[in-house]
């Protein structure tokens, strides 16, 4: 008897959860696979972030070279001629 009551309760909750949408709302139109759309959005975000950080890379590399002692005012080497090991 208890199992039957539980089953009816769960059936009632399930029916309410999938009932008519609320007033002023509509169901979400699904045009394609939502997981694929999410992955594409993450890819666009990551590529945009990479492009944005390229602007700040050179000053950071120059600071690192100065901290490591790879910059010597006595020689005319440029950053491109220094070799990182």
Protein backbone atom coordinates (compact mmCIF):
# COMPACT_ATOMS: atom_id res chain seq x y z
CA UNK A 1 0.00 0.00 0.00
CA UNK A 2 2.82 2.41 0.90
CA UNK A 3 4.55 1.64 -2.39
CA UNK A 4 1.37 2.46 -4.28
CA UNK A 5 1.05 5.81 -2.46
CA UNK A 6 4.68 6.63 -3.19
CA UNK A 7 4.19 5.76 -6.85
CA UNK A 8 1.12 8.00 -7.09
CA UNK A 9 3.01 10.83 -5.35
CA UNK A 10 5.97 10.57 -7.74
CA UNK A 11 3.64 10.34 -10.73
CA UNK A 12 1.84 13.50 -9.56
CA UNK A 13 5.13 15.39 -9.08
CA UNK A 14 6.36 14.28 -12.47
CA UNK A 15 3.13 15.39 -14.08
CA UNK A 16 3.37 18.83 -12.46
CA UNK A 17 6.99 19.24 -13.51
CA UNK A 18 6.14 18.66 -17.16
CA UNK A 19 2.89 20.58 -17.25
CA UNK A 20 2.07 23.72 -19.20
CA UNK A 21 4.69 26.50 -19.15
CA UNK A 22 4.19 29.49 -16.89
CA UNK A 23 2.36 32.54 -18.17
CA UNK A 24 4.54 34.78 -20.32
CA UNK A 25 7.10 32.05 -20.99
CA UNK A 26 7.76 29.72 -23.90
CA UNK A 27 9.75 26.53 -24.25
CA UNK A 28 13.39 26.87 -25.20
CA UNK A 29 13.78 26.25 -28.94
CA UNK A 30 16.55 23.73 -29.53
CA UNK A 31 18.08 24.17 -32.95
CA UNK A 32 21.05 21.85 -32.49
CA UNK A 33 22.90 19.81 -29.89
CA UNK A 34 23.33 22.05 -26.83
CA UNK A 35 26.60 20.39 -25.78
CA UNK A 36 28.13 21.08 -29.21
CA UNK A 37 26.97 24.69 -29.01
CA UNK A 38 28.56 25.00 -25.55
CA UNK A 39 31.89 23.60 -26.80
CA UNK A 40 31.88 26.05 -29.72
CA UNK A 41 31.25 28.93 -27.30
CA UNK A 42 34.11 27.83 -25.05
CA UNK A 43 36.38 27.57 -28.11
CA UNK A 44 35.46 31.10 -29.25
CA UNK A 45 36.09 32.43 -25.74
CA UNK A 46 39.49 30.71 -25.45
CA UNK A 47 40.66 31.94 -28.87
CA UNK A 48 39.56 35.50 -28.05
CA UNK A 49 41.43 35.30 -24.73
CA UNK A 50 44.59 34.05 -26.45
CA UNK A 51 44.47 36.93 -28.95
CA UNK A 52 43.96 39.39 -26.10
CA UNK A 53 46.98 38.12 -24.14
CA UNK A 54 49.36 38.37 -27.12
CA UNK A 55 49.44 42.15 -26.60
CA UNK A 56 50.84 41.75 -23.08
CA UNK A 57 53.32 38.97 -23.76
CA UNK A 58 56.29 41.04 -25.00
CA UNK A 59 56.57 43.41 -22.02
CA UNK A 60 56.37 40.42 -19.68
CA UNK A 61 59.10 38.59 -21.59
CA UNK A 62 61.33 41.68 -21.47
CA UNK A 63 60.84 41.93 -17.70
CA UNK A 64 61.66 38.23 -17.30
CA UNK A 65 64.83 38.61 -19.36
CA UNK A 66 65.90 41.53 -17.15
CA UNK A 67 65.19 39.54 -13.96
CA UNK A 68 67.19 36.55 -15.24
CA UNK A 69 70.12 38.73 -16.21
CA UNK A 70 69.78 38.07 -19.91
CA UNK A 71 69.90 41.77 -20.72
CA UNK A 72 73.36 43.27 -20.85
CA UNK A 73 73.77 46.91 -21.69
CA UNK A 74 77.38 46.31 -22.76
CA UNK A 75 76.49 44.10 -25.70
CA UNK A 76 74.26 45.00 -28.61
CA UNK A 77 72.24 41.78 -28.56
CA UNK A 78 68.58 42.01 -29.18
CA UNK A 79 65.91 39.91 -27.55
CA UNK A 80 65.59 37.77 -30.68
CA UNK A 81 69.23 36.77 -30.64
CA UNK A 82 69.09 35.50 -27.04
CA UNK A 83 68.57 31.80 -26.71
CA UNK A 84 66.39 30.29 -24.03
CA UNK A 85 67.64 26.97 -22.74
